[in-house]
């Protein structure tokens, strides 16, 4: 037989679920904000590509190690820009 939950247990379960939902929302918002800050950082460093004034060269060189992932993404997108059909086939694992 199925056991009946007491009102106290039901209330406790409700609050656990509510807290978890709010934690998930807060984590999602923080991840989104971090992603946007990283995008802004890249725009500030590589702004010369889109018409913004670039920072002094010495400062840009000091910040380059922090942009390693963004540089990899930029190079891979530049490589795939020449062959969009190949990029689609690569995603589909077609040899």
C-alpha atoms as a PDB file:
ATOM      1  CA  UNK A   1       0.000   0.000   0.000  1.00  0.00           C
ATOM      2  CA  UNK A   2       1.037   3.526  -0.656  1.00  0.00           C
ATOM      3  CA  UNK A   3       1.996   5.449   2.454  1.00  0.00           C
ATOM      4  CA  UNK A   4       0.294   8.781   3.055  1.00  0.00           C
ATOM      5  CA  UNK A   5       2.560  11.767   3.509  1.00  0.00           C
ATOM      6  CA  UNK A   6       1.924  13.850   6.577  1.00  0.00           C
ATOM      7  CA  UNK A   7       1.382  17.569   6.168  1.00  0.00           C
ATOM      8  CA  UNK A   8       4.816  18.272   7.669  1.00  0.00           C
ATOM      9  CA  UNK A   9       6.592  15.959   5.201  1.00  0.00           C
ATOM     10  CA  UNK A  10       4.618  17.394   2.324  1.00  0.00           C
ATOM     11  CA  UNK A  11       5.526  20.943   3.375  1.00  0.00           C
ATOM     12  CA  UNK A  12       9.199  19.960   3.738  1.00  0.00           C
ATOM     13  CA  UNK A  13       9.222  18.383   0.264  1.00  0.00           C
ATOM     14  CA  UNK A  14       7.586  21.507  -1.194  1.00  0.00           C
ATOM     15  CA  UNK A  15      10.284  23.747   0.278  1.00  0.00           C
ATOM     16  CA  UNK A  16      13.107  21.464  -0.894  1.00  0.00           C
ATOM     17  CA  UNK A  17      11.733  21.631  -4.422  1.00  0.00           C
ATOM     18  CA  UNK A  18      11.287  25.418  -4.255  1.00  0.00           C
ATOM     19  CA  UNK A  19      14.848  25.940  -3.004  1.00  0.00           C
ATOM     20  CA  UNK A  20      16.257  23.691  -5.736  1.00  0.00           C
ATOM     21  CA  UNK A  21      14.332  25.537  -8.456  1.00  0.00           C
ATOM     22  CA  UNK A  22      15.634  28.895  -7.234  1.00  0.00           C
ATOM     23  CA  UNK A  23      19.194  27.565  -7.057  1.00  0.00           C
ATOM     24  CA  UNK A  24      18.944  26.289 -10.619  1.00  0.00           C
ATOM     25  CA  UNK A  25      17.616  29.642 -11.833  1.00  0.00           C
ATOM     26  CA  UNK A  26      20.359  31.542  -9.999  1.00  0.00           C
ATOM     27  CA  UNK A  27      23.040  29.250 -11.422  1.00  0.00           C
ATOM     28  CA  UNK A  28      21.670  29.706 -14.930  1.00  0.00           C
ATOM     29  CA  UNK A  29      21.650  33.477 -14.545  1.00  0.00           C
ATOM     30  CA  UNK A  30      25.244  33.478 -13.280  1.00  0.00           C
ATOM     31  CA  UNK A  31      26.389  31.295 -16.185  1.00  0.00           C
ATOM     32  CA  UNK A  32      24.683  33.631 -18.655  1.00  0.00           C
ATOM     33  CA  UNK A  33      26.276  36.683 -17.019  1.00  0.00           C
ATOM     34  CA  UNK A  34      29.724  35.065 -17.080  1.00  0.00           C
ATOM     35  CA  UNK A  35      29.309  34.252 -20.774  1.00  0.00           C
ATOM     36  CA  UNK A  36      28.288  37.830 -21.552  1.00  0.00           C
ATOM     37  CA  UNK A  37      31.236  39.235 -19.569  1.00  0.00           C
ATOM     38  CA  UNK A  38      33.608  36.978 -21.507  1.00  0.00           C
ATOM     39  CA  UNK A  39      32.076  38.221 -24.772  1.00  0.00           C
ATOM     40  CA  UNK A  40      32.500  41.823 -23.667  1.00  0.00           C
ATOM     41  CA  UNK A  41      36.101  41.141 -22.683  1.00  0.00           C
ATOM     42  CA  UNK A  42      36.846  39.742 -26.136  1.00  0.00           C
ATOM     43  CA  UNK A  43      35.193  42.730 -27.818  1.00  0.00           C
ATOM     44  CA  UNK A  44      37.332  45.093 -25.759  1.00  0.00           C
ATOM     45  CA  UNK A  45      40.538  43.248 -26.676  1.00  0.00           C
ATOM     46  CA  UNK A  46      39.751  42.528 -30.333  1.00  0.00           C
ATOM     47  CA  UNK A  47      37.657  45.637 -30.911  1.00  0.00           C
ATOM     48  CA  UNK A  48      39.848  46.733 -33.810  1.00  0.00           C
ATOM     49  CA  UNK A  49      38.245  43.973 -35.916  1.00  0.00           C
ATOM     50  CA  UNK A  50      34.848  45.667 -35.616  1.00  0.00           C
ATOM     51  CA  UNK A  51      35.933  49.309 -35.531  1.00  0.00           C
ATOM     52  CA  UNK A  52      36.494  49.991 -31.838  1.00  0.00           C
ATOM     53  CA  UNK A  53      39.803  51.479 -30.772  1.00  0.00           C
ATOM     54  CA  UNK A  54      42.158  48.753 -29.616  1.00  0.00           C
ATOM     55  CA  UNK A  55      43.904  48.772 -26.234  1.00  0.00           C
ATOM     56  CA  UNK A  56      47.637  49.427 -25.998  1.00  0.00           C
ATOM     57  CA  UNK A  57      49.672  46.557 -27.415  1.00  0.00           C
ATOM     58  CA  UNK A  58      51.455  45.768 -24.145  1.00  0.00           C
ATOM     59  CA  UNK A  59      48.143  45.412 -22.317  1.00  0.00           C
ATOM     60  CA  UNK A  60      46.664  43.267 -25.080  1.00  0.00           C
ATOM     61  CA  UNK A  61      49.700  40.954 -24.988  1.00  0.00           C
ATOM     62  CA  UNK A  62      49.366  40.513 -21.230  1.00  0.00           C
ATOM     63  CA  UNK A  63      45.697  39.585 -21.624  1.00  0.00           C
ATOM     64  CA  UNK A  64      46.160  37.093 -24.481  1.00  0.00           C
ATOM     65  CA  UNK A  65      46.597  34.018 -22.213  1.00  0.00           C
ATOM     66  CA  UNK A  66      43.077  34.630 -20.889  1.00  0.00           C
ATOM     67  CA  UNK A  67      41.717  34.508 -24.455  1.00  0.00           C
ATOM     68  CA  UNK A  68      43.042  31.068 -25.375  1.00  0.00           C
ATOM     69  CA  UNK A  69      39.603  29.446 -25.726  1.00  0.00           C
ATOM     70  CA  UNK A  70      38.194  32.377 -27.695  1.00  0.00           C
ATOM     71  CA  UNK A  71      41.167  32.310 -30.080  1.00  0.00           C
ATOM     72  CA  UNK A  72      40.636  28.574 -30.685  1.00  0.00           C
ATOM     73  CA  UNK A  73      36.966  29.181 -31.462  1.00  0.00           C
ATOM     74  CA  UNK A  74      37.800  32.090 -33.774  1.00  0.00           C
ATOM     75  CA  UNK A  75      40.377  30.049 -35.718  1.00  0.00           C
ATOM     76  CA  UNK A  76      38.063  27.038 -36.052  1.00  0.00           C
ATOM     77  CA  UNK A  77      35.224  29.249 -37.294  1.00  0.00           C
ATOM     78  CA  UNK A  78      37.551  30.925 -39.787  1.00  0.00           C
ATOM     79  CA  UNK A  79      38.612  27.496 -41.060  1.00  0.00           C
ATOM     80  CA  UNK A  80      35.008  26.308 -41.380  1.00  0.00           C
ATOM     81  CA  UNK A  81      33.847  29.543 -43.028  1.00  0.00           C
ATOM     82  CA  UNK A  82      35.516  28.486 -46.277  1.00  0.00           C
ATOM     83  CA  UNK A  83      33.682  25.150 -46.421  1.00  0.00           C
ATOM     84  CA  UNK A  84      30.190  25.359 -44.864  1.00  0.00           C
ATOM     85  CA  UNK A  85      29.075  22.048 -46.404  1.00  0.00           C
ATOM     86  CA  UNK A  86      32.116  20.355 -44.904  1.00  0.00           C
ATOM     87  CA  UNK A  87      31.243  21.823 -41.497  1.00  0.00           C
ATOM     88  CA  UNK A  88      27.716  20.384 -41.714  1.00  0.00           C
ATOM     89  CA  UNK A  89      29.052  16.984 -42.752  1.00  0.00           C
ATOM     90  CA  UNK A  90      31.569  17.152 -39.894  1.00  0.00           C
ATOM     91  CA  UNK A  91      28.757  17.710 -37.401  1.00  0.00           C
ATOM     92  CA  UNK A  92      26.877  14.744 -38.847  1.00  0.00           C
ATOM     93  CA  UNK A  93      30.023  12.530 -38.721  1.00  0.00           C
ATOM     94  CA  UNK A  94      29.834  11.759 -42.436  1.00  0.00           C
ATOM     95  CA  UNK A  95      33.147  10.524 -43.871  1.00  0.00           C
END
